[in-house]
Protein backbone atom coordinates (compact mmCIF):
# COMPACT_ATOMS: atom_id res chain seq x y z
CA MET A 1 -65.61 4.30 -65.71
CA ARG A 2 -66.19 2.94 -62.30
CA TYR A 3 -67.26 -0.28 -63.23
CA LEU A 4 -64.08 -0.71 -65.25
CA LEU A 5 -62.24 0.31 -62.32
CA ILE A 6 -63.84 -2.62 -60.32
CA VAL A 7 -63.25 -5.16 -62.64
CA LEU A 8 -59.41 -4.15 -63.40
CA SER A 9 -58.87 -4.39 -59.80
CA MET A 10 -60.57 -7.92 -59.76
CA LEU A 11 -58.20 -8.94 -62.36
CA LEU A 12 -55.13 -7.51 -60.78
CA VAL A 13 -55.44 -9.07 -57.15
CA PRO A 14 -54.90 -12.56 -58.00
CA LEU A 15 -51.20 -11.72 -59.48
CA ALA A 16 -49.50 -10.37 -56.32
CA PRO A 17 -49.10 -13.94 -54.30
CA ALA A 18 -48.08 -15.33 -57.54
CA ARG A 19 -45.12 -12.73 -57.55
CA ALA A 20 -44.52 -12.85 -53.77
CA GLU A 21 -44.13 -16.24 -53.48
CA VAL A 22 -40.74 -17.80 -54.68
CA SER A 23 -39.68 -20.71 -53.49
CA VAL A 24 -37.98 -24.04 -53.46
CA GLY A 25 -38.49 -26.43 -51.43
CA VAL A 26 -38.34 -26.04 -47.40
CA GLY A 27 -36.00 -22.87 -46.48
CA ILE A 28 -34.78 -22.12 -49.66
CA HIS A 29 -35.84 -19.19 -51.74
CA VAL A 30 -34.46 -17.56 -54.90
CA PRO A 31 -31.65 -20.41 -55.41
CA GLY A 32 -28.55 -19.66 -57.62
CA VAL A 33 -28.02 -16.31 -56.93
CA SER A 34 -24.99 -13.71 -57.31
CA ILE A 35 -24.56 -11.51 -54.23
CA GLY A 36 -21.13 -9.68 -55.72
CA ILE A 37 -18.62 -11.83 -53.39
CA ASN A 38 -15.73 -12.54 -55.55
CA LEU A 39 -12.72 -13.80 -53.24
CA PRO A 40 -9.64 -14.27 -54.89
CA ALA A 41 -8.95 -17.60 -53.14
CA TYR A 42 -10.05 -19.90 -50.59
CA PRO A 43 -10.95 -18.22 -47.53
CA ARG A 44 -8.65 -18.42 -44.69
CA LEU A 45 -11.61 -20.23 -41.87
CA VAL A 46 -10.75 -19.83 -38.13
CA ARG A 47 -12.82 -21.59 -35.59
CA VAL A 48 -15.29 -19.40 -33.73
CA PRO A 49 -14.49 -20.63 -30.09
CA GLY A 50 -17.01 -22.74 -28.50
CA TYR A 51 -19.12 -23.31 -31.69
CA PRO A 52 -18.90 -25.64 -34.67
CA VAL A 53 -18.82 -22.69 -36.97
CA TYR A 54 -16.17 -20.87 -38.90
CA TYR A 55 -15.63 -17.17 -39.88
CA ASP A 56 -12.78 -15.21 -41.72
CA PRO A 57 -11.77 -12.55 -39.81
CA ARG A 58 -9.94 -10.91 -42.65
CA VAL A 59 -12.98 -10.41 -45.07
CA ASN A 60 -14.95 -7.38 -44.69
CA PHE A 61 -18.37 -9.15 -45.22
CA ASN A 62 -20.14 -11.43 -42.74
CA PHE A 63 -18.95 -14.75 -43.93
CA PHE A 64 -19.11 -18.10 -41.85
CA PHE A 65 -18.94 -22.01 -42.61
CA TYR A 66 -21.24 -24.61 -40.93
CA ASP A 67 -22.42 -28.24 -41.57
CA GLY A 68 -20.91 -28.07 -45.39
CA LEU A 69 -22.17 -24.83 -46.39
CA TYR A 70 -20.69 -21.19 -46.42
CA TRP A 71 -23.29 -18.58 -45.13
CA VAL A 72 -23.30 -14.89 -45.45
CA PHE A 73 -25.31 -12.52 -44.02
CA GLN A 74 -25.74 -9.44 -46.18
CA ASP A 75 -28.51 -6.83 -46.88
CA ASP A 76 -30.59 -8.25 -44.07
CA ASN A 77 -30.91 -11.73 -46.03
CA TRP A 78 -29.27 -15.11 -45.19
CA TYR A 79 -27.21 -16.81 -47.68
CA ALA A 80 -26.17 -20.16 -48.22
CA SER A 81 -23.81 -22.01 -50.93
CA SER A 82 -21.39 -25.02 -51.10
CA TRP A 83 -18.43 -23.10 -52.83
CA TYR A 84 -16.81 -20.16 -51.22
CA ASN A 85 -17.76 -18.04 -54.25
CA GLY A 86 -21.43 -18.95 -54.85
CA PRO A 87 -23.58 -19.46 -56.52
CA TRP A 88 -25.75 -18.67 -53.41
CA ASP A 89 -29.39 -19.60 -52.01
CA LEU A 90 -31.32 -17.11 -50.12
CA VAL A 91 -32.27 -19.04 -47.30
CA ASP A 92 -35.57 -18.04 -45.34
CA PRO A 93 -34.99 -16.83 -41.52
CA TYR A 94 -37.21 -19.29 -40.13
CA ASP A 95 -34.84 -22.16 -41.57
CA VAL A 96 -31.33 -20.65 -40.87
CA PRO A 97 -29.41 -23.40 -38.49
CA LEU A 98 -29.56 -22.28 -34.65
CA TYR A 99 -25.51 -22.20 -34.49
CA VAL A 100 -25.71 -20.05 -37.16
CA LEU A 101 -27.96 -17.71 -35.67
CA ARG A 102 -25.86 -18.09 -32.33
CA VAL A 103 -22.64 -17.09 -33.57
CA PRO A 104 -21.75 -14.13 -31.22
CA VAL A 105 -21.96 -10.19 -32.79
CA ARG A 106 -18.22 -9.71 -32.46
CA TYR A 107 -17.76 -12.19 -35.56
CA TYR A 108 -19.59 -10.21 -37.86
CA ARG A 109 -17.21 -8.50 -39.98
CA GLN A 110 -19.88 -5.80 -41.39
CA PRO A 111 -22.70 -5.90 -38.72
CA PRO A 112 -25.54 -3.96 -39.54
CA PRO A 113 -26.75 -0.74 -38.08
CA TYR A 114 -29.12 -2.31 -35.80
CA PHE A 115 -26.26 -4.28 -34.17
CA ARG A 116 -25.27 -1.65 -32.49
CA GLY A 117 -25.43 -1.63 -28.54
CA TRP A 118 -25.92 -5.29 -28.41
CA ARG A 119 -23.39 -7.53 -26.48
CA ALA A 120 -20.36 -8.52 -28.31
CA ASP A 121 -19.97 -11.78 -26.63
CA ALA A 122 -23.78 -12.99 -27.41
CA PRO A 123 -25.78 -13.65 -30.47
CA PRO A 124 -27.75 -10.69 -32.35
CA ARG A 125 -31.07 -10.33 -31.20
CA TRP A 126 -32.95 -11.81 -33.86
CA GLY A 127 -36.12 -12.36 -31.91
CA ALA A 128 -36.32 -8.48 -31.48
CA HIS A 129 -35.24 -7.89 -35.12
CA TRP A 130 -37.25 -10.59 -36.91
CA GLY A 131 -40.39 -10.08 -34.82
CA ARG A 132 -42.60 -12.03 -32.22
CA ASP A 133 -43.92 -14.61 -35.04
CA TRP A 134 -40.11 -15.42 -35.90
CA GLU A 135 -39.48 -15.77 -32.00
CA GLN A 136 -42.39 -17.85 -31.40
CA ARG A 137 -41.65 -20.37 -34.36
CA ARG A 138 -37.94 -20.25 -33.36
CA SER A 139 -38.51 -20.52 -29.33
CA GLY A 140 -35.37 -21.57 -27.51
CA TRP A 141 -33.08 -20.71 -30.09
CA ASP A 142 -30.57 -18.72 -28.06
CA HIS A 143 -30.59 -21.35 -25.17
CA TRP A 144 -28.57 -24.63 -25.37
CA ASN A 145 -26.05 -26.72 -23.38
CA ARG A 146 -22.86 -25.45 -24.61
CA ARG A 147 -20.97 -28.28 -23.39
CA SER A 148 -22.78 -30.67 -26.22
CA ALA A 149 -21.97 -28.39 -29.12
CA PRO A 150 -21.73 -30.94 -32.04
CA ARG A 151 -18.48 -31.34 -33.89
CA PRO A 152 -17.86 -28.82 -36.67
CA ALA A 153 -17.98 -30.46 -40.13
CA PRO A 154 -14.68 -30.75 -41.99
CA LEU A 155 -13.69 -27.92 -44.02
CA PRO A 156 -13.66 -28.60 -47.60
CA THR A 157 -9.85 -27.50 -47.96
CA TYR A 158 -9.91 -29.21 -51.70
CA GLN A 159 -11.24 -25.84 -53.05
CA ARG A 160 -7.90 -24.35 -52.25
CA ASN A 161 -7.06 -25.75 -55.97
CA TYR A 162 -9.95 -23.78 -57.51
CA SER A 163 -9.40 -20.11 -57.61
CA GLY A 164 -9.19 -17.19 -59.95
CA ASP A 165 -9.97 -18.63 -64.00
CA ARG A 166 -10.19 -22.25 -62.08
CA TYR A 167 -13.39 -21.86 -60.08
CA PRO A 168 -16.06 -23.84 -61.19
CA GLY A 169 -19.14 -21.35 -61.71
CA GLU A 170 -21.43 -24.36 -62.92
CA PRO A 171 -23.42 -25.82 -60.19
CA GLU A 172 -23.09 -28.95 -62.19
CA ARG A 173 -19.35 -29.02 -62.11
CA GLN A 174 -19.14 -27.90 -58.41
CA GLN A 175 -21.52 -30.99 -57.51
CA THR A 176 -19.15 -33.32 -59.41
CA ILE A 177 -16.03 -32.28 -57.70
CA ARG A 178 -17.47 -32.11 -54.21
CA ALA A 179 -18.89 -35.50 -54.60
CA GLU A 180 -15.66 -36.81 -55.23
CA ARG A 181 -13.63 -34.71 -52.90
CA TYR A 182 -15.93 -34.53 -50.02
CA ARG A 183 -17.75 -36.89 -47.90
CA TYR A 184 -19.18 -35.04 -45.10
CA GLN A 185 -23.06 -35.90 -44.82
CA PRO A 186 -24.99 -32.83 -43.52
CA ARG A 187 -27.40 -32.78 -40.55
CA GLU A 188 -29.41 -29.60 -40.90
CA PRO A 189 -32.39 -29.90 -42.74
CA VAL A 190 -31.74 -26.64 -45.23
CA THR A 191 -28.20 -28.13 -45.94
CA GLN A 192 -29.60 -31.62 -47.20
CA GLN A 193 -32.19 -29.73 -49.09
CA HIS A 194 -29.15 -27.86 -50.83
CA TYR A 195 -27.08 -30.87 -51.43
CA GLN A 196 -30.21 -32.88 -53.01
CA ARG A 197 -31.04 -29.73 -55.15
CA GLN A 198 -27.56 -29.65 -56.85
CA ARG A 199 -27.30 -33.39 -57.20
CA ASP A 200 -31.20 -33.30 -59.13
CA GLN A 201 -29.44 -30.49 -61.12
CA ASN A 202 -26.55 -32.39 -61.79
CA GLN A 203 -28.85 -35.11 -63.51
CA ASN A 204 -31.19 -32.64 -65.02
CA GLY A 205 -28.58 -30.60 -66.96
CA PRO A 206 -27.93 -27.07 -67.04
CA GLN A 207 -30.88 -26.39 -69.26
CA ASP A 208 -33.53 -27.74 -67.02
CA ARG A 209 -31.84 -25.57 -64.13
CA ASP A 210 -31.96 -22.25 -65.97
CA ARG A 211 -35.98 -23.23 -66.79
CA GLY A 212 -36.55 -23.58 -63.22
CA ASN A 213 -34.87 -20.45 -62.02
CA PRO A 214 -36.39 -17.24 -63.94
CA HIS A 215 -35.03 -15.18 -60.83
CA GLN A 216 -31.50 -16.02 -61.15
CA GLU A 217 -29.87 -12.86 -60.97
CA ARG A 218 -32.06 -11.23 -58.40
CA GLY A 219 -29.80 -11.38 -55.26
CA GLN A 220 -31.86 -9.19 -53.47
CA ASP A 221 -35.21 -10.58 -53.97
CA ARG A 222 -37.00 -11.73 -50.52
CA ARG A 223 -39.81 -13.22 -49.78
């Protein structure tokens, strides 16, 4: 019996790393998920003063726009999408753009409990929350010249024409519309990767996308 248990443990050990690692390139993990966001129309985005980031003060979740992507902070995860209702990519905390991380606490419409007591006019204390390794790898994330912030990306206002039943849920259709209507060239690596992945999906077709994304419905998966 003891020998049988040893053999079984040896067989099971290699399975753990294979299940834990779900990624697509650098920064994006579990692409194309649903996180329950369903805005009835294009969001009313307002510039965060002094930042190249927009937010919607009328929604009840943490919703931002930066560098050509919408960003949502939900259940301690960051998600990104090129369309306001997704589908969403789960983004690794190590790869979330600096200016998204720098948005002051007061612009989070649904802050998590651990934000309590933090300065409203300062960014969340991500280093204290995500730990020493994150702090070391992203050293200096909360120090920058506020006079040299980049210009914000233009808002994709063409998406106002797509709400309700007209919303294009298929990534291929989304990419086609965006390529025709939105010429902005992103500067952030994670945004560039998102755009490139959607271009590849558009060329390969939906069958290839579904085959490469076995976790499409797992919006809460984390690395």
